[in-house]
Structures are given as C-alpha cells and as structure tokens.
Amino acid sequence: MLVTIIATLGHGVESGILAGVGLSLALHLYRTSRPHSAVVGRVPGSEHFRNVLRHDVETDKRLVILRIDESLYFANARYLEDTVMALISRDFELQHIVLACQAVNTIDASALESLEEINARLKDAGVALHLAEVKGPVMDKLRGSDFMKALGGEVFLSTYDAWRSLHQEETSLAQATNTQQVQQTKE
C-alpha cells in the first residue's frame, strides 16, 4: 500500500496503479509458491485426519498422508516435488504416499508434469503414489493426460478410504507373516 501511495505522489496515478497491481501479483505468486502442506494422521476412532505435529493421531510407518492446502500450478509445482522427495528420503520403510487433495481446486500443465515426475521417482524408490479426495475438474485434467495410466497407486474417494485400504493391507501382511511363522514353528 505504501509503495502505491509513494508511486502515485511521485509519478502520477497511472504509475501508482501499475505499482499496486505489480506488487499484488508478486505477493500472490510468492505466497502461493510455497503452499501449506501437512503430514496428517487419523484421529483415533474417527474418520478425521489432522496434522501430526498438532494433534495426537494414529500413523503408520509405511504410509504417509500429505494434505496439500493450495491449488497446484507452475509457481508451486517444484515445491511439492521437493516436499514429497524430502518425505521419502527420511523414511526408508515408506511404501505408500497419499496426496490428500481436498483443497486442490485447479491444476495446470506444469503441476501435472511435476506429478508425473513425482510418480516416476516414487516408483523408482519402490513407493506407490496415491491420491485422495480429488475434485472433479482436477480429475478431468488428470484423466486427460497420461498421468492416470502411469499412476503407481490408486485414487481414493476419501482420505479415510485410503487409510483403511492401505493400513489394512499393512495389517493383513503382518498377520499373514505371523501366521506363517507360527505354522513353521509347529512343524
């Protein structure tokens, strides 16, 4: 606001308006280039998910749910890549990453390209990428590209469906392993 006033007083109304519009665009790009995201876990006994740093929630060492709180476009696509790669670099037991997309209203070509890159890098690392709560217009753009054919995981209707499916898969595998060990011990 101060820049606009100074430009108007020093150079005229047109310069003040241009300075205000330019500054507004720059601030918008800066703020949305690093969208808020949070690793979330399940609130015990419910279908709700909250930030693991703020709430006492259930987590699974082989499953990370990353909630993205902004539409995806050219200015923040790289930031999402960096965030996901940081998650897999710190956890070697990770098998599934779910992007909870309830706040993603739009996606552009740059962000779609980043998702394709994330998916390819996760596949190389042996981690499946899943999506949850994808809105219709975003899903239309995903289906209109090769991304859905290459997706290493699934698209879930809700974050809870993703949790239930992937967490149960882990639980079922552990139970099967325990059953095999017990049977081998009896033999």
Protein backbone atom coordinates (compact mmCIF):
# COMPACT_ATOMS: atom_id res chain seq x y z
CA MET A 1 0.00 0.00 0.00
CA LEU A 2 2.81 2.39 0.88
CA VAL A 3 4.52 1.68 -2.47
CA THR A 4 1.31 2.57 -4.30
CA ILE A 5 0.94 5.85 -2.40
CA ILE A 6 4.55 6.85 -3.00
CA ALA A 7 4.35 5.96 -6.72
CA THR A 8 1.11 7.94 -7.07
CA LEU A 9 2.51 11.01 -5.31
CA GLY A 10 5.86 10.86 -7.09
CA HIS A 11 4.91 9.74 -10.59
CA GLY A 12 1.16 10.07 -11.03
CA VAL A 13 -1.97 7.95 -10.77
CA GLU A 14 -1.13 5.57 -13.60
CA SER A 15 2.26 4.73 -12.09
CA GLY A 16 0.63 4.21 -8.69
CA ILE A 17 -1.93 1.81 -10.13
CA LEU A 18 0.72 -0.12 -12.06
CA ALA A 19 2.91 -0.34 -8.96
CA GLY A 20 -0.04 -1.60 -6.89
CA VAL A 21 -1.05 -4.24 -9.45
CA GLY A 22 2.55 -5.38 -9.95
CA LEU A 23 3.17 -5.64 -6.23
CA SER A 24 -0.11 -7.53 -5.71
CA LEU A 25 0.80 -10.09 -8.39
CA ALA A 26 4.29 -10.54 -6.97
CA LEU A 27 2.93 -11.08 -3.45
CA HIS A 28 0.33 -13.57 -4.70
CA LEU A 29 2.96 -15.60 -6.56
CA TYR A 30 5.26 -15.55 -3.54
CA ARG A 31 2.55 -16.65 -1.09
CA THR A 32 1.24 -19.45 -3.29
CA SER A 33 4.66 -20.68 -4.42
CA ARG A 34 5.14 -22.42 -1.09
CA PRO A 35 1.71 -23.80 -0.25
CA HIS A 36 0.94 -25.03 3.21
CA SER A 37 1.02 -28.78 3.40
CA ALA A 38 0.90 -31.12 6.36
CA VAL A 39 1.54 -34.76 7.09
CA VAL A 40 -1.70 -35.94 8.63
CA GLY A 41 -2.72 -38.92 10.72
CA ARG A 42 -6.03 -40.43 11.74
CA VAL A 43 -7.77 -39.15 14.83
CA PRO A 44 -8.29 -42.39 16.83
CA GLY A 45 -11.77 -43.87 16.49
CA SER A 46 -12.85 -41.49 13.74
CA GLU A 47 -12.67 -40.84 10.00
CA HIS A 48 -10.94 -37.49 10.52
CA PHE A 49 -7.33 -36.61 9.78
CA ARG A 50 -5.26 -33.88 11.41
CA ASN A 51 -1.71 -32.55 11.35
CA VAL A 52 0.66 -34.95 13.14
CA LEU A 53 2.56 -32.02 14.67
CA ARG A 54 -0.54 -30.51 16.28
CA HIS A 55 -2.67 -33.48 17.31
CA ASP A 56 -2.36 -36.92 18.88
CA VAL A 57 -3.14 -39.09 15.85
CA GLU A 58 -2.57 -42.60 14.54
CA THR A 59 0.15 -43.00 11.95
CA ASP A 60 1.61 -45.89 10.01
CA LYS A 61 5.35 -46.14 9.39
CA ARG A 62 4.76 -47.44 5.86
CA LEU A 63 2.12 -44.88 4.91
CA VAL A 64 2.32 -41.08 4.78
CA ILE A 65 -0.67 -38.90 4.02
CA LEU A 66 0.29 -35.42 2.81
CA ARG A 67 -2.50 -32.86 2.77
CA ILE A 68 -2.00 -30.11 0.19
CA ASP A 69 -3.73 -26.85 1.07
CA GLU A 70 -3.47 -24.99 -2.25
CA SER A 71 -4.24 -25.41 -5.93
CA LEU A 72 -1.28 -26.70 -7.92
CA TYR A 73 0.25 -24.53 -10.63
CA PHE A 74 3.60 -23.50 -12.11
CA ALA A 75 4.69 -21.41 -9.11
CA ASN A 76 4.36 -24.21 -6.53
CA ALA A 77 4.87 -27.38 -8.57
CA ARG A 78 8.56 -27.66 -7.72
CA TYR A 79 7.87 -27.06 -4.03
CA LEU A 80 5.52 -30.06 -3.99
CA GLU A 81 8.21 -32.21 -5.62
CA ASP A 82 10.75 -31.14 -3.01
CA THR A 83 8.30 -31.81 -0.16
CA VAL A 84 7.48 -35.33 -1.35
CA MET A 85 11.12 -36.20 -2.01
CA ALA A 86 12.05 -35.00 1.48
CA LEU A 87 9.43 -37.36 2.92
CA ILE A 88 10.82 -40.43 1.18
CA SER A 89 14.43 -39.54 1.90
CA ARG A 90 13.87 -39.56 5.67
CA ASP A 91 11.82 -42.76 5.93
CA PHE A 92 13.21 -45.98 4.47
CA GLU A 93 10.21 -48.14 5.41
CA LEU A 94 7.79 -45.98 3.45
CA GLN A 95 5.68 -47.89 0.91
CA HIS A 96 2.77 -45.52 0.22
CA ILE A 97 2.32 -41.76 -0.10
CA VAL A 98 -1.20 -40.40 -0.33
CA LEU A 99 -1.71 -36.85 -1.55
CA ALA A 100 -4.90 -35.63 0.11
CA CYS A 101 -6.18 -33.13 -2.45
CA GLN A 102 -9.35 -31.76 -0.85
CA ALA A 103 -8.08 -28.16 -1.14
CA VAL A 104 -6.75 -28.51 -4.70
CA ASN A 105 -9.25 -26.69 -6.92
CA THR A 106 -7.16 -26.41 -10.08
CA ILE A 107 -4.04 -27.90 -11.62
CA ASP A 108 -2.08 -26.58 -14.58
CA ALA A 109 0.26 -28.27 -17.07
CA SER A 110 3.39 -27.52 -15.01
CA ALA A 111 1.93 -29.08 -11.89
CA LEU A 112 0.70 -32.07 -13.88
CA GLU A 113 4.23 -32.55 -15.21
CA SER A 114 5.54 -32.38 -11.63
CA LEU A 115 3.04 -35.02 -10.51
CA GLU A 116 4.25 -37.26 -13.34
CA GLU A 117 7.84 -36.73 -12.21
CA ILE A 118 6.94 -37.41 -8.57
CA ASN A 119 5.16 -40.61 -9.58
CA ALA A 120 8.15 -41.81 -11.65
CA ARG A 121 10.65 -41.04 -8.88
CA LEU A 122 8.48 -42.75 -6.26
CA LYS A 123 8.14 -45.85 -8.45
CA ASP A 124 11.93 -45.97 -8.77
CA ALA A 125 12.14 -45.81 -4.97
CA GLY A 126 9.57 -48.61 -4.54
CA VAL A 127 6.91 -46.26 -3.14
CA ALA A 128 3.36 -46.09 -4.52
CA LEU A 129 1.74 -42.69 -5.06
CA HIS A 130 -1.97 -42.48 -4.28
CA LEU A 131 -4.45 -39.61 -4.47
CA ALA A 132 -7.47 -38.94 -2.27
CA GLU A 133 -10.40 -36.53 -2.42
CA VAL A 134 -9.62 -35.25 -5.91
CA LYS A 135 -12.21 -32.76 -7.15
CA GLY A 136 -13.98 -33.30 -10.47
CA PRO A 137 -12.28 -30.58 -12.55
CA VAL A 138 -8.85 -31.68 -11.32
CA MET A 139 -9.65 -35.34 -12.04
CA ASP A 140 -10.76 -34.36 -15.56
CA LYS A 141 -7.31 -32.84 -16.21
CA LEU A 142 -5.57 -35.88 -14.72
CA ARG A 143 -7.62 -38.23 -16.92
CA GLY A 144 -6.88 -36.07 -19.96
CA SER A 145 -3.17 -36.79 -19.57
CA ASP A 146 -1.02 -39.90 -19.32
CA PHE A 147 -0.72 -39.47 -15.55
CA MET A 148 -3.60 -41.79 -14.64
CA LYS A 149 -2.20 -44.60 -16.80
CA ALA A 150 1.20 -44.31 -15.12
CA LEU A 151 -0.04 -43.76 -11.55
CA GLY A 152 1.66 -46.25 -9.26
CA GLY A 153 -1.22 -46.38 -6.79
CA GLU A 154 -4.94 -45.69 -6.61
CA VAL A 155 -7.31 -42.75 -6.45
CA PHE A 156 -9.49 -42.91 -3.33
CA LEU A 157 -12.79 -41.15 -2.78
CA SER A 158 -11.78 -40.09 0.73
CA THR A 159 -8.67 -39.92 2.86
CA TYR A 160 -10.29 -42.39 5.24
CA ASP A 161 -10.81 -44.88 2.37
CA ALA A 162 -7.11 -44.58 1.55
CA TRP A 163 -6.15 -45.08 5.20
CA ARG A 164 -8.45 -48.06 5.63
CA SER A 165 -7.27 -49.76 2.45
CA LEU A 166 -3.54 -49.15 2.80
CA HIS A 167 -3.39 -49.53 6.58
CA GLN A 168 -5.38 -52.79 6.43
CA GLU A 169 -3.08 -54.01 3.68
CA GLU A 170 -0.16 -53.49 6.06
CA THR A 171 -2.03 -55.12 8.94
CA SER A 172 -3.04 -58.08 6.74
CA LEU A 173 0.55 -58.60 5.59
CA ALA A 174 1.80 -58.56 9.19
CA GLN A 175 -0.89 -61.03 10.25
CA ALA A 176 -0.07 -63.34 7.34
CA THR A 177 3.64 -63.23 8.22
CA ASN A 178 2.87 -64.03 11.87
CA THR A 179 0.59 -66.91 10.84
CA GLN A 180 3.33 -68.36 8.62
CA GLN A 181 5.87 -68.09 11.42
CA VAL A 182 3.53 -69.87 13.86
CA GLN A 183 2.84 -72.64 11.33
CA GLN A 184 6.56 -73.13 10.67
CA THR A 185 7.21 -73.31 14.42
CA LYS A 186 4.57 -76.07 14.82
CA GLU A 187 6.10 -78.13 12.04
